[in-house]
């Protein structure tokens, strides 16, 4: 999960990462949608190898609340945030527990284009 740098193109970071790897990833708005009662904008991405996916961007949260992906081999994966409650959170919630590591945008792109696995 991550917060995109641009509300106008939430998958721009993925496209940039893919381009750096020589992969032409296309992403375009699929229009307004709703996820768990929250207004979102769906964005659809395709890769030349046949992989494709969609993300749902919540403009009020400036956050992607759902991703669905199908790899070139037909393997489906994704996530969906549910029961979202907006409010102030304690800082301790944002500290990495011992033994955990940050999931980077580069790692996410690897998974989305089929070069890696969720771990």
C-alpha atoms as a PDB file:
ATOM      1  CA  UNK A   1       0.000   0.000   0.000  1.00  0.00           C
ATOM      2  CA  UNK A   2       1.224   3.464  -0.683  1.00  0.00           C
ATOM      3  CA  UNK A   3       0.182   7.043  -1.171  1.00  0.00           C
ATOM      4  CA  UNK A   4       0.664   8.174  -4.773  1.00  0.00           C
ATOM      5  CA  UNK A   5       2.436  11.463  -5.425  1.00  0.00           C
ATOM      6  CA  UNK A   6      -0.279  12.682  -7.834  1.00  0.00           C
ATOM      7  CA  UNK A   7      -4.058  12.543  -7.503  1.00  0.00           C
ATOM      8  CA  UNK A   8      -4.306  13.214 -11.239  1.00  0.00           C
ATOM      9  CA  UNK A   9      -2.427   9.997 -12.063  1.00  0.00           C
ATOM     10  CA  UNK A  10      -2.164   7.657  -9.051  1.00  0.00           C
ATOM     11  CA  UNK A  11      -0.370   4.983 -11.080  1.00  0.00           C
ATOM     12  CA  UNK A  12       2.291   7.394 -12.379  1.00  0.00           C
ATOM     13  CA  UNK A  13       4.869   5.970  -9.971  1.00  0.00           C
ATOM     14  CA  UNK A  14       4.283   2.456 -11.293  1.00  0.00           C
ATOM     15  CA  UNK A  15       4.596   3.661 -14.882  1.00  0.00           C
ATOM     16  CA  UNK A  16       7.881   5.434 -14.086  1.00  0.00           C
ATOM     17  CA  UNK A  17       9.299   2.369 -12.319  1.00  0.00           C
ATOM     18  CA  UNK A  18       8.270   0.100 -15.214  1.00  0.00           C
ATOM     19  CA  UNK A  19       9.797   2.494 -17.773  1.00  0.00           C
ATOM     20  CA  UNK A  20      13.104   2.391 -15.895  1.00  0.00           C
ATOM     21  CA  UNK A  21      13.041  -1.383 -16.382  1.00  0.00           C
ATOM     22  CA  UNK A  22      12.268  -1.117 -20.108  1.00  0.00           C
ATOM     23  CA  UNK A  23       8.621  -2.124 -19.698  1.00  0.00           C
ATOM     24  CA  UNK A  24       5.868  -0.071 -21.278  1.00  0.00           C
ATOM     25  CA  UNK A  25       3.082   0.007 -18.709  1.00  0.00           C
ATOM     26  CA  UNK A  26      -0.080   1.803 -19.778  1.00  0.00           C
ATOM     27  CA  UNK A  27      -2.472   3.225 -17.191  1.00  0.00           C
ATOM     28  CA  UNK A  28      -5.629   5.230 -17.719  1.00  0.00           C
ATOM     29  CA  UNK A  29      -8.634   6.328 -15.700  1.00  0.00           C
ATOM     30  CA  UNK A  30     -11.559   3.937 -15.707  1.00  0.00           C
ATOM     31  CA  UNK A  31     -13.841   6.549 -14.145  1.00  0.00           C
ATOM     32  CA  UNK A  32     -15.643   6.958 -10.844  1.00  0.00           C
ATOM     33  CA  UNK A  33     -16.456   3.903  -8.748  1.00  0.00           C
ATOM     34  CA  UNK A  34     -17.303   2.989  -5.154  1.00  0.00           C
ATOM     35  CA  UNK A  35     -15.362   0.694  -2.795  1.00  0.00           C
ATOM     36  CA  UNK A  36     -17.021  -0.189   0.516  1.00  0.00           C
ATOM     37  CA  UNK A  37     -19.267   2.840   0.274  1.00  0.00           C
ATOM     38  CA  UNK A  38     -16.381   5.239  -0.390  1.00  0.00           C
ATOM     39  CA  UNK A  39     -16.131   7.248  -3.612  1.00  0.00           C
ATOM     40  CA  UNK A  40     -13.072   6.278  -5.640  1.00  0.00           C
ATOM     41  CA  UNK A  41     -11.615   6.579  -9.126  1.00  0.00           C
ATOM     42  CA  UNK A  42     -10.645   3.303 -10.835  1.00  0.00           C
ATOM     43  CA  UNK A  43      -7.422   3.232 -12.870  1.00  0.00           C
ATOM     44  CA  UNK A  44      -6.705   0.368 -15.279  1.00  0.00           C
ATOM     45  CA  UNK A  45      -3.195  -0.739 -16.220  1.00  0.00           C
ATOM     46  CA  UNK A  46      -1.926  -3.095 -18.910  1.00  0.00           C
ATOM     47  CA  UNK A  47       1.522  -4.467 -19.691  1.00  0.00           C
ATOM     48  CA  UNK A  48       2.763  -5.736 -23.080  1.00  0.00           C
ATOM     49  CA  UNK A  49       3.089  -9.297 -21.724  1.00  0.00           C
ATOM     50  CA  UNK A  50      -0.664  -9.497 -21.083  1.00  0.00           C
ATOM     51  CA  UNK A  51      -0.590  -8.722 -17.381  1.00  0.00           C
ATOM     52  CA  UNK A  52      -3.242  -6.266 -16.290  1.00  0.00           C
ATOM     53  CA  UNK A  53      -4.791  -4.790 -13.209  1.00  0.00           C
ATOM     54  CA  UNK A  54      -6.824  -2.035 -11.656  1.00  0.00           C
ATOM     55  CA  UNK A  55      -6.444   0.234  -8.675  1.00  0.00           C
ATOM     56  CA  UNK A  56      -9.073   2.270  -6.867  1.00  0.00           C
ATOM     57  CA  UNK A  57      -7.926   5.652  -5.606  1.00  0.00           C
ATOM     58  CA  UNK A  58      -9.799   7.382  -2.772  1.00  0.00           C
ATOM     59  CA  UNK A  59      -9.354  11.118  -3.393  1.00  0.00           C
ATOM     60  CA  UNK A  60     -10.533  12.026   0.121  1.00  0.00           C
ATOM     61  CA  UNK A  61      -7.783   9.890   1.675  1.00  0.00           C
ATOM     62  CA  UNK A  62      -5.230  10.448  -1.135  1.00  0.00           C
ATOM     63  CA  UNK A  63      -4.701   6.698  -0.932  1.00  0.00           C
ATOM     64  CA  UNK A  64      -5.182   3.558  -3.009  1.00  0.00           C
ATOM     65  CA  UNK A  65      -7.830   1.472  -1.224  1.00  0.00           C
ATOM     66  CA  UNK A  66      -8.012  -1.497  -3.596  1.00  0.00           C
ATOM     67  CA  UNK A  67      -5.797  -3.261  -6.138  1.00  0.00           C
ATOM     68  CA  UNK A  68      -6.601  -6.261  -8.317  1.00  0.00           C
ATOM     69  CA  UNK A  69      -3.971  -7.750 -10.611  1.00  0.00           C
ATOM     70  CA  UNK A  70      -3.753 -10.630 -13.070  1.00  0.00           C
ATOM     71  CA  UNK A  71      -0.246 -11.701 -14.106  1.00  0.00           C
ATOM     72  CA  UNK A  72       0.690 -12.815 -17.608  1.00  0.00           C
ATOM     73  CA  UNK A  73       0.292 -16.377 -16.332  1.00  0.00           C
ATOM     74  CA  UNK A  74      -3.245 -15.733 -15.088  1.00  0.00           C
ATOM     75  CA  UNK A  75      -2.408 -15.580 -11.362  1.00  0.00           C
ATOM     76  CA  UNK A  76      -4.695 -13.136  -9.575  1.00  0.00           C
ATOM     77  CA  UNK A  77      -3.714 -11.108  -6.515  1.00  0.00           C
ATOM     78  CA  UNK A  78      -4.643  -7.903  -4.798  1.00  0.00           C
ATOM     79  CA  UNK A  79      -5.861  -6.227  -1.656  1.00  0.00           C
ATOM     80  CA  UNK A  80      -8.812  -4.174  -0.480  1.00  0.00           C
ATOM     81  CA  UNK A  81      -8.991  -1.946   2.570  1.00  0.00           C
ATOM     82  CA  UNK A  82     -12.221  -2.362   4.525  1.00  0.00           C
ATOM     83  CA  UNK A  83     -13.887  -0.678   7.501  1.00  0.00           C
ATOM     84  CA  UNK A  84     -11.950   2.559   6.952  1.00  0.00           C
ATOM     85  CA  UNK A  85     -12.394   5.030   9.797  1.00  0.00           C
ATOM     86  CA  UNK A  86     -10.864   8.475   9.409  1.00  0.00           C
ATOM     87  CA  UNK A  87      -9.268  10.066  12.476  1.00  0.00           C
ATOM     88  CA  UNK A  88      -6.051  10.874  14.303  1.00  0.00           C
ATOM     89  CA  UNK A  89      -3.816   7.877  14.965  1.00  0.00           C
ATOM     90  CA  UNK A  90      -1.107   7.401  17.641  1.00  0.00           C
ATOM     91  CA  UNK A  91       2.444   7.759  16.255  1.00  0.00           C
ATOM     92  CA  UNK A  92       3.325   4.286  17.588  1.00  0.00           C
ATOM     93  CA  UNK A  93       1.123   2.765  14.884  1.00  0.00           C
ATOM     94  CA  UNK A  94       3.572   4.016  12.255  1.00  0.00           C
ATOM     95  CA  UNK A  95       6.676   2.337  13.706  1.00  0.00           C
ATOM     96  CA  UNK A  96       7.880  -0.886  12.073  1.00  0.00           C
ATOM     97  CA  UNK A  97       7.695  -3.844  14.468  1.00  0.00           C
ATOM     98  CA  UNK A  98      10.895  -5.820  15.028  1.00  0.00           C
ATOM     99  CA  UNK A  99      11.541  -8.174  12.123  1.00  0.00           C
ATOM    100  CA  UNK A 100       9.423  -6.244   9.605  1.00  0.00           C
ATOM    101  CA  UNK A 101      10.663  -4.168   6.685  1.00  0.00           C
ATOM    102  CA  UNK A 102       9.239  -1.406   4.554  1.00  0.00           C
ATOM    103  CA  UNK A 103       7.544  -2.425   1.313  1.00  0.00           C
ATOM    104  CA  UNK A 104       8.883  -0.055  -1.354  1.00  0.00           C
ATOM    105  CA  UNK A 105       7.305   1.126  -4.596  1.00  0.00           C
ATOM    106  CA  UNK A 106      10.094  -0.636  -6.504  1.00  0.00           C
ATOM    107  CA  UNK A 107       9.177  -3.935  -4.820  1.00  0.00           C
ATOM    108  CA  UNK A 108       5.500  -3.396  -5.578  1.00  0.00           C
ATOM    109  CA  UNK A 109       6.254  -2.833  -9.273  1.00  0.00           C
ATOM    110  CA  UNK A 110       8.302  -6.058  -9.325  1.00  0.00           C
ATOM    111  CA  UNK A 111       5.294  -7.937  -7.958  1.00  0.00           C
ATOM    112  CA  UNK A 112       2.837  -6.255 -10.318  1.00  0.00           C
ATOM    113  CA  UNK A 113       4.859  -7.046 -13.437  1.00  0.00           C
ATOM    114  CA  UNK A 114       5.569 -10.606 -12.330  1.00  0.00           C
ATOM    115  CA  UNK A 115       9.239 -10.303 -11.329  1.00  0.00           C
ATOM    116  CA  UNK A 116       8.633 -11.021  -7.665  1.00  0.00           C
ATOM    117  CA  UNK A 117       6.263 -12.492  -5.102  1.00  0.00           C
ATOM    118  CA  UNK A 118       4.561 -11.099  -1.997  1.00  0.00           C
ATOM    119  CA  UNK A 119       6.641 -12.027   1.018  1.00  0.00           C
END
